């Protein structure tokens, strides 16, 4: 079995590629074993990948290691969000214990632009807001860091947040991809004067960066957490090649 730790567009693309390749006996790098995608279950209506899917946590590195043993997993591809630090740490530890090859698939980060303020975490972002009307796109799990801020916030996310929240906030429930025109209209209508985001990379959320640049709005960008020392690729093509090389 190949286990994909998913939830991203890259994870879905990889699952689709492997599902299609499994029926192509002529492809020399085709993995010829069962593929299962695992989703954390934090979103109530996630975009599902092709093939088999399991939803929910494993119970930390101990539970994941046991699951790898029980299911005769031959390789793991961690294609989770670039900020899913704990999931990646659990995968590294579990795969090391069991002796299962692990690959991390991470899309490239955003290319830095003039006017960006880089910070090392969401807490630092909350202390470094160069504006009064904030477009906050860091996700619902980080809202508590901004609860004590006096600014007005437009917070966009997929699922409704839980308290604590900033006192002055409008919550917008929406799922990308977004367009530059749509982001321009949204920022103008709310009179946004600063954008806060994470260096998630990818095209699905880059339109807000284009819109902020066109409007001359400063952008506070949270740096990605460092990856542990594990083999990493930045494309689905490279992940497919790795699986073929690994004999998965």
C-alpha atoms as a PDB file:
ATOM      1  CA  UNK A   1       0.000   0.000   0.000  1.00  0.00           C
ATOM      2  CA  UNK A   2       0.975   3.609  -0.644  1.00  0.00           C
ATOM      3  CA  UNK A   3      -0.350   6.074   1.938  1.00  0.00           C
ATOM      4  CA  UNK A   4      -0.879   9.685   0.881  1.00  0.00           C
ATOM      5  CA  UNK A   5      -1.281  12.155   3.737  1.00  0.00           C
ATOM      6  CA  UNK A   6      -3.466  14.589   1.880  1.00  0.00           C
ATOM      7  CA  UNK A   7      -5.799  17.539   1.942  1.00  0.00           C
ATOM      8  CA  UNK A   8      -4.024  19.663  -0.684  1.00  0.00           C
ATOM      9  CA  UNK A   9      -4.462  20.038  -4.422  1.00  0.00           C
ATOM     10  CA  UNK A  10      -1.113  18.299  -4.918  1.00  0.00           C
ATOM     11  CA  UNK A  11      -2.312  15.326  -2.868  1.00  0.00           C
ATOM     12  CA  UNK A  12      -5.456  15.026  -4.986  1.00  0.00           C
ATOM     13  CA  UNK A  13      -3.425  15.305  -8.186  1.00  0.00           C
ATOM     14  CA  UNK A  14      -1.055  12.600  -6.982  1.00  0.00           C
ATOM     15  CA  UNK A  15      -3.929  10.283  -6.053  1.00  0.00           C
ATOM     16  CA  UNK A  16      -5.503  10.856  -9.458  1.00  0.00           C
ATOM     17  CA  UNK A  17      -2.217  10.160 -11.226  1.00  0.00           C
ATOM     18  CA  UNK A  18      -1.602   6.969  -9.292  1.00  0.00           C
ATOM     19  CA  UNK A  19      -5.167   5.746  -9.795  1.00  0.00           C
ATOM     20  CA  UNK A  20      -4.857   6.299 -13.547  1.00  0.00           C
ATOM     21  CA  UNK A  21      -1.378   4.817 -13.710  1.00  0.00           C
ATOM     22  CA  UNK A  22      -2.362   1.648 -11.871  1.00  0.00           C
ATOM     23  CA  UNK A  23      -4.270   0.478 -14.948  1.00  0.00           C
ATOM     24  CA  UNK A  24      -1.364   1.242 -17.302  1.00  0.00           C
ATOM     25  CA  UNK A  25       0.725  -1.907 -17.188  1.00  0.00           C
ATOM     26  CA  UNK A  26       3.146  -0.516 -19.741  1.00  0.00           C
ATOM     27  CA  UNK A  27       4.408   2.355 -17.595  1.00  0.00           C
ATOM     28  CA  UNK A  28       7.757   1.389 -16.099  1.00  0.00           C
ATOM     29  CA  UNK A  29       7.393   3.716 -13.104  1.00  0.00           C
ATOM     30  CA  UNK A  30       3.789   2.762 -12.323  1.00  0.00           C
ATOM     31  CA  UNK A  31       3.219   1.809  -8.678  1.00  0.00           C
ATOM     32  CA  UNK A  32       1.317  -1.478  -8.673  1.00  0.00           C
ATOM     33  CA  UNK A  33      -0.233  -1.521  -5.261  1.00  0.00           C
ATOM     34  CA  UNK A  34      -3.187  -0.118  -3.378  1.00  0.00           C
ATOM     35  CA  UNK A  35      -3.258   3.651  -2.769  1.00  0.00           C
ATOM     36  CA  UNK A  36      -5.061   5.231   0.193  1.00  0.00           C
ATOM     37  CA  UNK A  37      -5.418   8.969   0.832  1.00  0.00           C
ATOM     38  CA  UNK A  38      -5.790  10.097   4.440  1.00  0.00           C
ATOM     39  CA  UNK A  39      -7.580  13.350   5.342  1.00  0.00           C
ATOM     40  CA  UNK A  40      -7.403  14.951   8.772  1.00  0.00           C
ATOM     41  CA  UNK A  41     -11.177  15.526   8.916  1.00  0.00           C
ATOM     42  CA  UNK A  42     -11.014  19.173   9.974  1.00  0.00           C
ATOM     43  CA  UNK A  43     -13.230  20.295   7.077  1.00  0.00           C
ATOM     44  CA  UNK A  44     -16.815  19.035   6.995  1.00  0.00           C
ATOM     45  CA  UNK A  45     -17.103  18.831   3.202  1.00  0.00           C
ATOM     46  CA  UNK A  46     -13.594  18.288   1.817  1.00  0.00           C
ATOM     47  CA  UNK A  47     -12.687  17.881  -1.837  1.00  0.00           C
ATOM     48  CA  UNK A  48     -12.159  14.137  -2.089  1.00  0.00           C
ATOM     49  CA  UNK A  49      -9.294  12.560  -4.036  1.00  0.00           C
ATOM     50  CA  UNK A  50      -9.602   9.663  -6.438  1.00  0.00           C
ATOM     51  CA  UNK A  51      -9.438   6.177  -5.006  1.00  0.00           C
ATOM     52  CA  UNK A  52      -9.667   5.005  -1.406  1.00  0.00           C
ATOM     53  CA  UNK A  53      -9.999   7.622   1.340  1.00  0.00           C
ATOM     54  CA  UNK A  54      -9.769   7.454   5.129  1.00  0.00           C
ATOM     55  CA  UNK A  55     -10.776  10.397   7.320  1.00  0.00           C
ATOM     56  CA  UNK A  56      -9.509  11.219  10.803  1.00  0.00           C
ATOM     57  CA  UNK A  57      -6.287  11.202  12.781  1.00  0.00           C
ATOM     58  CA  UNK A  58      -4.124   8.195  13.565  1.00  0.00           C
ATOM     59  CA  UNK A  59      -3.473   8.987  17.223  1.00  0.00           C
ATOM     60  CA  UNK A  60      -0.038  10.571  16.956  1.00  0.00           C
ATOM     61  CA  UNK A  61       3.148   8.826  15.842  1.00  0.00           C
ATOM     62  CA  UNK A  62       2.359   5.684  17.863  1.00  0.00           C
ATOM     63  CA  UNK A  63      -0.997   5.205  16.172  1.00  0.00           C
ATOM     64  CA  UNK A  64       0.390   5.981  12.737  1.00  0.00           C
ATOM     65  CA  UNK A  65       3.277   3.543  13.177  1.00  0.00           C
ATOM     66  CA  UNK A  66       0.845   0.795  14.138  1.00  0.00           C
ATOM     67  CA  UNK A  67      -1.399   1.628  11.170  1.00  0.00           C
ATOM     68  CA  UNK A  68       1.589   1.384   8.824  1.00  0.00           C
ATOM     69  CA  UNK A  69       2.425  -2.044  10.222  1.00  0.00           C
ATOM     70  CA  UNK A  70      -1.151  -3.321  10.164  1.00  0.00           C
ATOM     71  CA  UNK A  71      -1.710  -2.267   6.565  1.00  0.00           C
ATOM     72  CA  UNK A  72       1.654  -3.327   5.119  1.00  0.00           C
ATOM     73  CA  UNK A  73       2.392   0.212   3.886  1.00  0.00           C
ATOM     74  CA  UNK A  74       5.342   0.293   1.515  1.00  0.00           C
ATOM     75  CA  UNK A  75       5.738   4.071   1.161  1.00  0.00           C
ATOM     76  CA  UNK A  76       4.250   7.277   2.574  1.00  0.00           C
ATOM     77  CA  UNK A  77       3.899  10.578   0.747  1.00  0.00           C
ATOM     78  CA  UNK A  78       3.238  13.518   3.027  1.00  0.00           C
ATOM     79  CA  UNK A  79       1.387  15.971   0.781  1.00  0.00           C
ATOM     80  CA  UNK A  80      -0.246  17.948   3.582  1.00  0.00           C
ATOM     81  CA  UNK A  81      -0.431  21.724   3.874  1.00  0.00           C
ATOM     82  CA  UNK A  82       2.950  23.463   4.252  1.00  0.00           C
ATOM     83  CA  UNK A  83       1.890  24.590   7.748  1.00  0.00           C
ATOM     84  CA  UNK A  84       0.767  21.143   8.951  1.00  0.00           C
ATOM     85  CA  UNK A  85       3.883  20.878  11.107  1.00  0.00           C
ATOM     86  CA  UNK A  86       2.582  18.289  13.588  1.00  0.00           C
ATOM     87  CA  UNK A  87       1.333  15.872  10.949  1.00  0.00           C
ATOM     88  CA  UNK A  88       4.708  15.971   9.206  1.00  0.00           C
ATOM     89  CA  UNK A  89       6.571  15.442  12.484  1.00  0.00           C
ATOM     90  CA  UNK A  90       4.354  12.435  13.271  1.00  0.00           C
ATOM     91  CA  UNK A  91       4.966  10.974   9.815  1.00  0.00           C
ATOM     92  CA  UNK A  92       8.733  11.335  10.153  1.00  0.00           C
ATOM     93  CA  UNK A  93       8.787   9.598  13.529  1.00  0.00           C
ATOM     94  CA  UNK A  94       6.361   6.821  12.574  1.00  0.00           C
ATOM     95  CA  UNK A  95       8.075   6.011   9.275  1.00  0.00           C
ATOM     96  CA  UNK A  96      11.467   5.951  10.987  1.00  0.00           C
ATOM     97  CA  UNK A  97      10.198   3.475  13.601  1.00  0.00           C
ATOM     98  CA  UNK A  98       8.650   1.129  11.051  1.00  0.00           C
ATOM     99  CA  UNK A  99      11.301   1.524   8.347  1.00  0.00           C
ATOM    100  CA  UNK A 100       8.882   2.803   5.703  1.00  0.00           C
ATOM    101  CA  UNK A 101      10.222   5.227   3.067  1.00  0.00           C
ATOM    102  CA  UNK A 102       8.792   8.753   3.435  1.00  0.00           C
ATOM    103  CA  UNK A 103       8.644  11.551   0.893  1.00  0.00           C
ATOM    104  CA  UNK A 104       7.403  15.082   1.600  1.00  0.00           C
ATOM    105  CA  UNK A 105       5.629  16.764  -1.330  1.00  0.00           C
ATOM    106  CA  UNK A 106       5.507  20.542  -0.824  1.00  0.00           C
ATOM    107  CA  UNK A 107       4.535  23.099  -3.409  1.00  0.00           C
ATOM    108  CA  UNK A 108       6.961  26.029  -3.752  1.00  0.00           C
ATOM    109  CA  UNK A 109       6.252  29.061  -1.608  1.00  0.00           C
ATOM    110  CA  UNK A 110       5.223  32.448  -2.932  1.00  0.00           C
ATOM    111  CA  UNK A 111       7.845  34.561  -4.671  1.00  0.00           C
ATOM    112  CA  UNK A 112       8.522  37.575  -2.465  1.00  0.00           C
ATOM    113  CA  UNK A 113       7.329  40.972  -3.678  1.00  0.00           C
ATOM    114  CA  UNK A 114       8.104  44.549  -2.659  1.00  0.00           C
ATOM    115  CA  UNK A 115       6.056  45.736   0.317  1.00  0.00           C
ATOM    116  CA  UNK A 116       5.912  42.354   2.055  1.00  0.00           C
ATOM    117  CA  UNK A 117       6.674  42.048   5.758  1.00  0.00           C
ATOM    118  CA  UNK A 118       7.890  38.556   6.641  1.00  0.00           C
ATOM    119  CA  UNK A 119       7.252  37.193  10.145  1.00  0.00           C
ATOM    120  CA  UNK A 120       8.102  33.909  11.839  1.00  0.00           C
ATOM    121  CA  UNK A 121       4.657  33.058  13.188  1.00  0.00           C
ATOM    122  CA  UNK A 122       1.044  34.124  13.506  1.00  0.00           C
ATOM    123  CA  UNK A 123       1.672  35.655  16.938  1.00  0.00           C
ATOM    124  CA  UNK A 124       4.333  37.908  15.423  1.00  0.00           C
ATOM    125  CA  UNK A 125       1.938  38.820  12.616  1.00  0.00           C
ATOM    126  CA  UNK A 126      -0.627  39.957  15.207  1.00  0.00           C
ATOM    127  CA  UNK A 127       2.007  42.256  16.712  1.00  0.00           C
ATOM    128  CA  UNK A 128       3.073  43.626  13.320  1.00  0.00           C
ATOM    129  CA  UNK A 129      -0.084  44.936  11.660  1.00  0.00           C
ATOM    130  CA  UNK A 130       0.720  48.073   9.594  1.00  0.00           C
ATOM    131  CA  UNK A 131      -2.938  49.026   9.163  1.00  0.00           C
ATOM    132  CA  UNK A 132      -6.357  49.317  10.786  1.00  0.00           C
ATOM    133  CA  UNK A 133      -8.583  47.270   8.459  1.00  0.00           C
ATOM    134  CA  UNK A 134      -7.109  43.819   8.099  1.00  0.00           C
ATOM    135  CA  UNK A 135      -7.874  41.101   5.554  1.00  0.00           C
ATOM    136  CA  UNK A 136      -6.941  37.969   7.499  1.00  0.00           C
ATOM    137  CA  UNK A 137      -6.449  34.733   5.538  1.00  0.00           C
ATOM    138  CA  UNK A 138      -4.389  32.589   7.912  1.00  0.00           C
ATOM    139  CA  UNK A 139      -7.221  30.156   8.749  1.00  0.00           C
ATOM    140  CA  UNK A 140      -9.677  29.687  11.585  1.00  0.00           C
ATOM    141  CA  UNK A 141      -7.240  27.883  13.888  1.00  0.00           C
ATOM    142  CA  UNK A 142      -5.117  31.019  14.218  1.00  0.00           C
ATOM    143  CA  UNK A 143      -7.836  33.555  14.985  1.00  0.00           C
ATOM    144  CA  UNK A 144      -7.214  33.437  18.729  1.00  0.00           C
ATOM    145  CA  UNK A 145      -3.828  35.094  18.180  1.00  0.00           C
ATOM    146  CA  UNK A 146      -5.653  38.224  16.983  1.00  0.00           C
ATOM    147  CA  UNK A 147      -8.326  38.260  19.710  1.00  0.00           C
ATOM    148  CA  UNK A 148      -6.702  41.101  21.613  1.00  0.00           C
ATOM    149  CA  UNK A 149      -5.996  43.295  18.586  1.00  0.00           C
ATOM    150  CA  UNK A 150      -7.918  46.577  18.281  1.00  0.00           C
ATOM    151  CA  UNK A 151      -8.046  46.532  14.463  1.00  0.00           C
ATOM    152  CA  UNK A 152     -11.100  45.633  12.360  1.00  0.00           C
ATOM    153  CA  UNK A 153     -10.783  42.242  10.658  1.00  0.00           C
ATOM    154  CA  UNK A 154     -12.235  40.565   7.596  1.00  0.00           C
ATOM    155  CA  UNK A 155     -11.446  36.892   8.198  1.00  0.00           C
ATOM    156  CA  UNK A 156     -11.967  34.445   5.331  1.00  0.00           C
ATOM    157  CA  UNK A 157     -12.043  30.708   5.927  1.00  0.00           C
ATOM    158  CA  UNK A 158     -13.808  27.509   4.875  1.00  0.00           C
ATOM    159  CA  UNK A 159     -15.387  26.549   8.230  1.00  0.00           C
ATOM    160  CA  UNK A 160     -16.952  28.770  10.923  1.00  0.00           C
ATOM    161  CA  UNK A 161     -14.467  29.744  13.648  1.00  0.00           C
ATOM    162  CA  UNK A 162     -14.688  29.182  17.389  1.00  0.00           C
ATOM    163  CA  UNK A 163     -13.918  31.815  20.050  1.00  0.00           C
ATOM    164  CA  UNK A 164     -11.879  33.624  21.104  1.00  0.00           C
ATOM    165  CA  UNK A 165     -12.211  36.063  18.200  1.00  0.00           C
ATOM    166  CA  UNK A 166     -11.264  39.700  17.651  1.00  0.00           C
ATOM    167  CA  UNK A 167     -13.967  42.039  18.933  1.00  0.00           C
ATOM    168  CA  UNK A 168     -14.327  43.764  15.561  1.00  0.00           C
ATOM    169  CA  UNK A 169     -14.604  41.064  12.934  1.00  0.00           C
ATOM    170  CA  UNK A 170     -16.537  40.033   9.834  1.00  0.00           C
ATOM    171  CA  UNK A 171     -16.257  36.327   9.000  1.00  0.00           C
ATOM    172  CA  UNK A 172     -16.502  35.363   5.343  1.00  0.00           C
ATOM    173  CA  UNK A 173     -16.974  31.639   4.646  1.00  0.00           C
ATOM    174  CA  UNK A 174     -15.605  30.863   1.215  1.00  0.00           C
ATOM    175  CA  UNK A 175     -13.433  28.324  -0.597  1.00  0.00           C
ATOM    176  CA  UNK A 176     -10.992  29.143  -3.409  1.00  0.00           C
ATOM    177  CA  UNK A 177      -9.812  29.417  -6.061  1.00  0.00           C
ATOM    178  CA  UNK A 178     -10.322  33.180  -6.183  1.00  0.00           C
ATOM    179  CA  UNK A 179      -9.907  35.701  -9.001  1.00  0.00           C
ATOM    180  CA  UNK A 180      -7.965  38.948  -9.009  1.00  0.00           C
ATOM    181  CA  UNK A 181     -11.092  40.916  -9.937  1.00  0.00           C
ATOM    182  CA  UNK A 182     -13.023  39.304  -7.099  1.00  0.00           C
ATOM    183  CA  UNK A 183     -10.263  40.036  -4.602  1.00  0.00           C
ATOM    184  CA  UNK A 184     -10.005  43.638  -5.799  1.00  0.00           C
ATOM    185  CA  UNK A 185     -13.733  44.112  -5.305  1.00  0.00           C
ATOM    186  CA  UNK A 186     -13.648  42.521  -1.867  1.00  0.00           C
ATOM    187  CA  UNK A 187     -10.731  44.603  -0.615  1.00  0.00           C
ATOM    188  CA  UNK A 188     -12.173  47.826  -1.966  1.00  0.00           C
ATOM    189  CA  UNK A 189     -15.620  47.188  -0.517  1.00  0.00           C
ATOM    190  CA  UNK A 190     -14.155  46.577   2.968  1.00  0.00           C
ATOM    191  CA  UNK A 191     -11.550  49.370   2.664  1.00  0.00           C
ATOM    192  CA  UNK A 192      -8.777  46.911   3.486  1.00  0.00           C
ATOM    193  CA  UNK A 193      -5.397  48.495   4.227  1.00  0.00           C
ATOM    194  CA  UNK A 194      -3.328  45.400   5.146  1.00  0.00           C
ATOM    195  CA  UNK A 195      -3.396  41.729   4.108  1.00  0.00           C
ATOM    196  CA  UNK A 196      -2.187  38.942   6.415  1.00  0.00           C
ATOM    197  CA  UNK A 197      -1.491  35.535   4.918  1.00  0.00           C
ATOM    198  CA  UNK A 198       0.711  32.464   5.167  1.00  0.00           C
ATOM    199  CA  UNK A 199       3.357  31.429   2.666  1.00  0.00           C
ATOM    200  CA  UNK A 200       1.197  28.547   1.505  1.00  0.00           C
ATOM    201  CA  UNK A 201       2.144  28.901  -2.156  1.00  0.00           C
ATOM    202  CA  UNK A 202       0.114  27.633  -5.083  1.00  0.00           C
ATOM    203  CA  UNK A 203      -2.259  29.336  -7.535  1.00  0.00           C
ATOM    204  CA  UNK A 204      -5.528  28.860  -5.618  1.00  0.00           C
ATOM    205  CA  UNK A 205      -4.879  31.731  -3.224  1.00  0.00           C
ATOM    206  CA  UNK A 206      -2.373  33.885  -5.113  1.00  0.00           C
ATOM    207  CA  UNK A 207      -5.027  36.252  -6.529  1.00  0.00           C
ATOM    208  CA  UNK A 208      -5.204  38.150  -3.226  1.00  0.00           C
ATOM    209  CA  UNK A 209      -1.494  38.901  -3.501  1.00  0.00           C
ATOM    210  CA  UNK A 210      -1.954  40.311  -7.011  1.00  0.00           C
ATOM    211  CA  UNK A 211      -4.878  42.405  -5.804  1.00  0.00           C
ATOM    212  CA  UNK A 212      -2.943  43.745  -2.817  1.00  0.00           C
ATOM    213  CA  UNK A 213      -0.053  44.706  -5.091  1.00  0.00           C
ATOM    214  CA  UNK A 214      -2.388  46.526  -7.493  1.00  0.00           C
ATOM    215  CA  UNK A 215      -3.946  48.434  -4.590  1.00  0.00           C
ATOM    216  CA  UNK A 216      -0.619  49.190  -2.939  1.00  0.00           C
ATOM    217  CA  UNK A 217      -1.658  47.353   0.237  1.00  0.00           C
ATOM    218  CA  UNK A 218       1.135  46.020   2.502  1.00  0.00           C
ATOM    219  CA  UNK A 219       1.203  42.252   3.025  1.00  0.00           C
ATOM    220  CA  UNK A 220       2.259  40.479   6.229  1.00  0.00           C
ATOM    221  CA  UNK A 221       3.460  36.980   5.309  1.00  0.00           C
ATOM    222  CA  UNK A 222       3.986  34.190   7.832  1.00  0.00           C
ATOM    223  CA  UNK A 223       7.027  32.100   6.950  1.00  0.00           C
ATOM    224  CA  UNK A 224       6.693  28.348   6.631  1.00  0.00           C
ATOM    225  CA  UNK A 225       7.858  26.203   9.530  1.00  0.00           C
ATOM    226  CA  UNK A 226      11.150  24.446   8.741  1.00  0.00           C
ATOM    227  CA  UNK A 227      10.920  20.916   7.434  1.00  0.00           C
ATOM    228  CA  UNK A 228      12.646  18.065   9.276  1.00  0.00           C
ATOM    229  CA  UNK A 229      15.562  16.379   7.475  1.00  0.00           C
ATOM    230  CA  UNK A 230      13.549  14.233   5.070  1.00  0.00           C
ATOM    231  CA  UNK A 231      13.560  13.811   1.303  1.00  0.00           C
ATOM    232  CA  UNK A 232      11.389  16.515  -0.256  1.00  0.00           C
ATOM    233  CA  UNK A 233      10.095  17.282  -3.744  1.00  0.00           C
ATOM    234  CA  UNK A 234       8.066  20.180  -5.073  1.00  0.00           C
ATOM    235  CA  UNK A 235       6.055  18.560  -7.876  1.00  0.00           C
ATOM    236  CA  UNK A 236       3.678  15.669  -8.400  1.00  0.00           C
ATOM    237  CA  UNK A 237       5.826  14.447 -11.285  1.00  0.00           C
ATOM    238  CA  UNK A 238       8.789  14.124  -8.948  1.00  0.00           C
ATOM    239  CA  UNK A 239       6.667  12.298  -6.380  1.00  0.00           C
ATOM    240  CA  UNK A 240       5.500   9.772  -8.981  1.00  0.00           C
ATOM    241  CA  UNK A 241       9.107   9.208 -10.071  1.00  0.00           C
ATOM    242  CA  UNK A 242      10.196   8.733  -6.450  1.00  0.00           C
ATOM    243  CA  UNK A 243       7.535   6.103  -5.878  1.00  0.00           C
ATOM    244  CA  UNK A 244       8.715   4.219  -8.943  1.00  0.00           C
ATOM    245  CA  UNK A 245      12.327   4.405  -7.798  1.00  0.00           C
ATOM    246  CA  UNK A 246      11.393   3.331  -4.283  1.00  0.00           C
ATOM    247  CA  UNK A 247       9.653   0.274  -5.697  1.00  0.00           C
ATOM    248  CA  UNK A 248       6.356   1.179  -4.066  1.00  0.00           C
END
